[in-house]
N, C-alpha and C. Protein backbone atom coordinates (compact mmCIF):
# COMPACT_ATOMS: atom_id res chain seq x y z
N MET A 1 -3.29 -4.34 9.73
CA MET A 1 -4.65 -3.97 10.06
C MET A 1 -5.06 -4.72 11.33
N LYS A 2 -5.95 -4.14 12.08
CA LYS A 2 -6.38 -4.76 13.31
C LYS A 2 -7.30 -5.94 13.00
N ASP A 3 -7.20 -6.95 13.85
CA ASP A 3 -7.97 -8.18 13.62
C ASP A 3 -9.47 -7.93 13.63
N TYR A 4 -9.97 -7.06 14.51
CA TYR A 4 -11.42 -6.85 14.57
C TYR A 4 -11.94 -6.20 13.30
N ILE A 5 -11.11 -5.42 12.63
CA ILE A 5 -11.53 -4.80 11.36
C ILE A 5 -11.63 -5.88 10.29
N ASP A 6 -10.67 -6.78 10.25
CA ASP A 6 -10.72 -7.90 9.29
C ASP A 6 -11.96 -8.76 9.55
N GLU A 7 -12.23 -9.05 10.81
CA GLU A 7 -13.40 -9.87 11.16
C GLU A 7 -14.69 -9.17 10.75
N ARG A 8 -14.78 -7.87 11.02
CA ARG A 8 -15.97 -7.10 10.65
C ARG A 8 -16.16 -7.10 9.14
N THR A 9 -15.06 -6.93 8.42
CA THR A 9 -15.11 -6.90 6.96
C THR A 9 -15.66 -8.22 6.41
N ILE A 10 -15.18 -9.32 6.92
CA ILE A 10 -15.65 -10.63 6.47
C ILE A 10 -17.11 -10.85 6.87
N GLU A 11 -17.47 -10.41 8.07
CA GLU A 11 -18.85 -10.54 8.53
C GLU A 11 -19.81 -9.74 7.64
N VAL A 12 -19.42 -8.52 7.28
CA VAL A 12 -20.24 -7.69 6.39
C VAL A 12 -20.37 -8.36 5.03
N ALA A 13 -19.27 -8.87 4.51
CA ALA A 13 -19.29 -9.54 3.21
C ALA A 13 -20.22 -10.74 3.22
N LYS A 14 -20.14 -11.56 4.25
CA LYS A 14 -21.00 -12.73 4.35
C LYS A 14 -22.47 -12.33 4.46
N TYR A 15 -22.74 -11.24 5.17
CA TYR A 15 -24.12 -10.77 5.29
C TYR A 15 -24.65 -10.33 3.92
N ILE A 16 -23.85 -9.58 3.19
CA ILE A 16 -24.27 -9.10 1.88
C ILE A 16 -24.54 -10.28 0.95
N ILE A 17 -23.66 -11.25 0.95
CA ILE A 17 -23.82 -12.42 0.09
C ILE A 17 -25.04 -13.25 0.52
N GLY A 18 -25.17 -13.49 1.80
CA GLY A 18 -26.26 -14.32 2.31
C GLY A 18 -27.64 -13.73 2.13
N ASN A 19 -27.72 -12.39 2.09
CA ASN A 19 -29.02 -11.73 2.03
C ASN A 19 -29.23 -10.89 0.77
N ASN A 20 -28.28 -10.95 -0.16
CA ASN A 20 -28.33 -10.07 -1.34
C ASN A 20 -28.59 -8.63 -0.91
N ALA A 21 -27.92 -8.23 0.13
CA ALA A 21 -28.17 -6.94 0.77
C ALA A 21 -27.47 -5.80 0.04
N THR A 22 -28.04 -4.62 0.22
CA THR A 22 -27.41 -3.40 -0.26
C THR A 22 -26.43 -2.89 0.79
N VAL A 23 -25.64 -1.92 0.42
CA VAL A 23 -24.71 -1.31 1.38
C VAL A 23 -25.50 -0.71 2.53
N ARG A 24 -26.60 -0.04 2.22
CA ARG A 24 -27.43 0.57 3.28
C ARG A 24 -27.98 -0.47 4.24
N GLN A 25 -28.48 -1.57 3.69
CA GLN A 25 -29.03 -2.63 4.54
C GLN A 25 -27.95 -3.23 5.43
N ALA A 26 -26.79 -3.50 4.86
CA ALA A 26 -25.70 -4.07 5.64
C ALA A 26 -25.26 -3.11 6.74
N ALA A 27 -25.18 -1.82 6.41
CA ALA A 27 -24.77 -0.83 7.41
C ALA A 27 -25.76 -0.79 8.56
N ALA A 28 -27.05 -0.82 8.25
CA ALA A 28 -28.07 -0.75 9.30
C ALA A 28 -28.01 -1.98 10.21
N VAL A 29 -27.86 -3.16 9.63
CA VAL A 29 -27.82 -4.38 10.42
C VAL A 29 -26.55 -4.46 11.27
N MET A 30 -25.43 -4.06 10.70
CA MET A 30 -24.15 -4.15 11.40
C MET A 30 -23.92 -2.99 12.37
N GLY A 31 -24.72 -1.94 12.25
CA GLY A 31 -24.57 -0.81 13.14
C GLY A 31 -23.36 0.05 12.83
N ILE A 32 -23.00 0.11 11.55
CA ILE A 32 -21.87 0.93 11.11
C ILE A 32 -22.35 1.82 9.96
N SER A 33 -21.52 2.76 9.57
CA SER A 33 -21.92 3.69 8.52
C SER A 33 -21.79 3.06 7.14
N LYS A 34 -22.51 3.66 6.17
CA LYS A 34 -22.42 3.21 4.79
C LYS A 34 -20.99 3.38 4.28
N SER A 35 -20.34 4.45 4.70
CA SER A 35 -18.96 4.70 4.28
C SER A 35 -18.02 3.59 4.75
N THR A 36 -18.24 3.13 5.97
CA THR A 36 -17.41 2.06 6.52
C THR A 36 -17.64 0.77 5.76
N VAL A 37 -18.90 0.45 5.48
CA VAL A 37 -19.21 -0.75 4.71
C VAL A 37 -18.54 -0.67 3.35
N HIS A 38 -18.68 0.47 2.70
CA HIS A 38 -18.11 0.64 1.36
C HIS A 38 -16.58 0.47 1.40
N LYS A 39 -15.95 1.09 2.37
CA LYS A 39 -14.48 0.98 2.49
C LYS A 39 -14.07 -0.46 2.78
N ASP A 40 -14.81 -1.12 3.67
CA ASP A 40 -14.52 -2.51 3.99
C ASP A 40 -14.59 -3.38 2.74
N ILE A 41 -15.64 -3.19 1.96
CA ILE A 41 -15.89 -4.05 0.80
C ILE A 41 -14.95 -3.74 -0.37
N THR A 42 -14.72 -2.46 -0.63
CA THR A 42 -13.94 -2.11 -1.82
C THR A 42 -12.43 -2.09 -1.59
N GLU A 43 -11.99 -1.77 -0.39
CA GLU A 43 -10.55 -1.65 -0.15
C GLU A 43 -9.98 -2.79 0.70
N ARG A 44 -10.65 -3.11 1.78
CA ARG A 44 -10.08 -4.08 2.72
C ARG A 44 -10.32 -5.53 2.29
N LEU A 45 -11.54 -5.83 1.84
CA LEU A 45 -11.87 -7.22 1.52
C LEU A 45 -10.99 -7.83 0.42
N PRO A 46 -10.68 -7.11 -0.67
CA PRO A 46 -9.81 -7.73 -1.68
C PRO A 46 -8.43 -8.13 -1.14
N GLU A 47 -7.95 -7.44 -0.12
CA GLU A 47 -6.67 -7.81 0.49
C GLU A 47 -6.80 -9.03 1.38
N ILE A 48 -7.99 -9.23 1.93
CA ILE A 48 -8.21 -10.33 2.87
C ILE A 48 -8.61 -11.61 2.13
N ASN A 49 -9.59 -11.48 1.20
CA ASN A 49 -10.13 -12.66 0.53
C ASN A 49 -10.66 -12.24 -0.85
N LYS A 50 -9.89 -12.49 -1.88
CA LYS A 50 -10.27 -12.04 -3.24
C LYS A 50 -11.53 -12.72 -3.75
N GLY A 51 -11.70 -13.99 -3.45
CA GLY A 51 -12.89 -14.72 -3.91
C GLY A 51 -14.15 -14.15 -3.31
N LEU A 52 -14.13 -13.90 -2.02
CA LEU A 52 -15.27 -13.30 -1.33
C LEU A 52 -15.53 -11.89 -1.86
N ALA A 53 -14.46 -11.16 -2.12
CA ALA A 53 -14.59 -9.80 -2.66
C ALA A 53 -15.28 -9.83 -4.03
N ASN A 54 -14.94 -10.79 -4.87
CA ASN A 54 -15.58 -10.90 -6.19
C ASN A 54 -17.06 -11.23 -6.07
N ASP A 55 -17.41 -12.11 -5.13
CA ASP A 55 -18.82 -12.46 -4.92
C ASP A 55 -19.62 -11.24 -4.46
N VAL A 56 -19.07 -10.49 -3.53
CA VAL A 56 -19.75 -9.29 -3.02
C VAL A 56 -19.85 -8.25 -4.13
N ARG A 57 -18.80 -8.06 -4.89
CA ARG A 57 -18.81 -7.09 -5.98
C ARG A 57 -19.92 -7.40 -6.97
N HIS A 58 -20.11 -8.69 -7.28
CA HIS A 58 -21.17 -9.08 -8.21
C HIS A 58 -22.54 -8.68 -7.66
N ILE A 59 -22.79 -8.96 -6.39
CA ILE A 59 -24.09 -8.61 -5.78
C ILE A 59 -24.29 -7.10 -5.77
N LEU A 60 -23.26 -6.35 -5.41
CA LEU A 60 -23.39 -4.90 -5.37
C LEU A 60 -23.58 -4.30 -6.76
N ASP A 61 -22.96 -4.91 -7.76
CA ASP A 61 -23.17 -4.45 -9.14
C ASP A 61 -24.61 -4.66 -9.59
N VAL A 62 -25.18 -5.81 -9.23
CA VAL A 62 -26.58 -6.09 -9.55
C VAL A 62 -27.48 -5.09 -8.82
N ASN A 63 -27.21 -4.85 -7.54
CA ASN A 63 -28.00 -3.88 -6.76
C ASN A 63 -27.93 -2.50 -7.39
N LYS A 64 -26.75 -2.13 -7.84
CA LYS A 64 -26.58 -0.81 -8.45
C LYS A 64 -27.37 -0.71 -9.75
N ALA A 65 -27.37 -1.78 -10.51
CA ALA A 65 -28.11 -1.79 -11.78
C ALA A 65 -29.62 -1.73 -11.55
N GLU A 66 -30.09 -2.24 -10.42
CA GLU A 66 -31.52 -2.31 -10.14
C GLU A 66 -32.03 -1.15 -9.29
N ARG A 67 -31.17 -0.29 -8.82
CA ARG A 67 -31.60 0.73 -7.86
C ARG A 67 -32.64 1.69 -8.42
N HIS A 68 -32.56 1.99 -9.70
CA HIS A 68 -33.56 2.89 -10.28
C HIS A 68 -34.95 2.25 -10.26
N ILE A 69 -35.00 0.93 -10.37
CA ILE A 69 -36.29 0.23 -10.31
C ILE A 69 -36.85 0.30 -8.89
N ARG A 70 -36.01 0.05 -7.89
CA ARG A 70 -36.46 0.12 -6.49
C ARG A 70 -36.93 1.52 -6.14
N GLY A 71 -36.22 2.53 -6.66
CA GLY A 71 -36.62 3.91 -6.41
C GLY A 71 -37.97 4.22 -7.01
N GLY A 72 -38.19 3.73 -8.22
CA GLY A 72 -39.48 3.93 -8.88
C GLY A 72 -40.61 3.25 -8.13
N LEU A 73 -40.35 2.05 -7.63
CA LEU A 73 -41.38 1.33 -6.87
C LEU A 73 -41.69 2.05 -5.56
N ALA A 74 -40.67 2.59 -4.92
CA ALA A 74 -40.88 3.33 -3.68
C ALA A 74 -41.72 4.58 -3.93
N THR A 75 -41.44 5.27 -5.02
CA THR A 75 -42.21 6.47 -5.36
C THR A 75 -43.66 6.09 -5.66
N ARG A 76 -43.85 5.02 -6.41
CA ARG A 76 -45.21 4.55 -6.73
C ARG A 76 -45.98 4.22 -5.45
N LYS A 77 -45.32 3.52 -4.55
CA LYS A 77 -45.95 3.14 -3.28
C LYS A 77 -46.35 4.38 -2.49
N LYS A 78 -45.49 5.37 -2.47
CA LYS A 78 -45.76 6.62 -1.75
C LYS A 78 -47.01 7.29 -2.29
N TYR A 79 -47.10 7.43 -3.61
CA TYR A 79 -48.24 8.12 -4.20
C TYR A 79 -49.51 7.29 -4.13
N MET A 80 -49.41 5.99 -4.16
CA MET A 80 -50.59 5.13 -4.00
C MET A 80 -51.13 5.30 -2.58
N HIS A 81 -50.24 5.37 -1.61
CA HIS A 81 -50.66 5.56 -0.22
C HIS A 81 -51.33 6.93 -0.04
N GLU A 82 -50.74 7.96 -0.63
CA GLU A 82 -51.35 9.30 -0.55
C GLU A 82 -52.72 9.32 -1.20
N ARG A 83 -52.86 8.59 -2.29
CA ARG A 83 -54.16 8.53 -2.98
C ARG A 83 -55.18 7.82 -2.12
N GLU A 84 -54.78 6.74 -1.44
CA GLU A 84 -55.69 6.02 -0.56
C GLU A 84 -56.18 6.93 0.57
N ILE A 85 -55.30 7.74 1.12
CA ILE A 85 -55.66 8.66 2.18
C ILE A 85 -56.65 9.69 1.64
N GLU A 86 -56.39 10.19 0.44
CA GLU A 86 -57.27 11.17 -0.19
C GLU A 86 -58.66 10.60 -0.42
N ILE A 87 -58.72 9.37 -0.88
CA ILE A 87 -60.02 8.72 -1.15
C ILE A 87 -60.77 8.47 0.15
N SER A 88 -60.04 8.08 1.20
CA SER A 88 -60.70 7.81 2.48
C SER A 88 -61.27 9.08 3.12
N ARG A 89 -60.75 10.24 2.75
CA ARG A 89 -61.26 11.50 3.28
C ARG A 89 -62.55 11.95 2.61
N MET A 90 -62.83 11.38 1.43
CA MET A 90 -64.01 11.79 0.67
C MET A 90 -65.29 11.27 1.29
């Protein structure tokens, strides 16, 4: 594998661990696609550093378990904002 790919993979992993980031957040900050982040973390990282891969896997598992809560909060925020706009028009 090319060295820059290994370096990117480790950099993404450290970002996810340091910020408890989601795949989407890591992709946005690193300027790469979600697919690339996912491939780096699930396929490449275990070959490079198993300990780091386990730490990242734990964070991503927690994020996956909590995603329905974040989605619900986002929906609530959306409708609260729409309601505020409606009230301000009255």
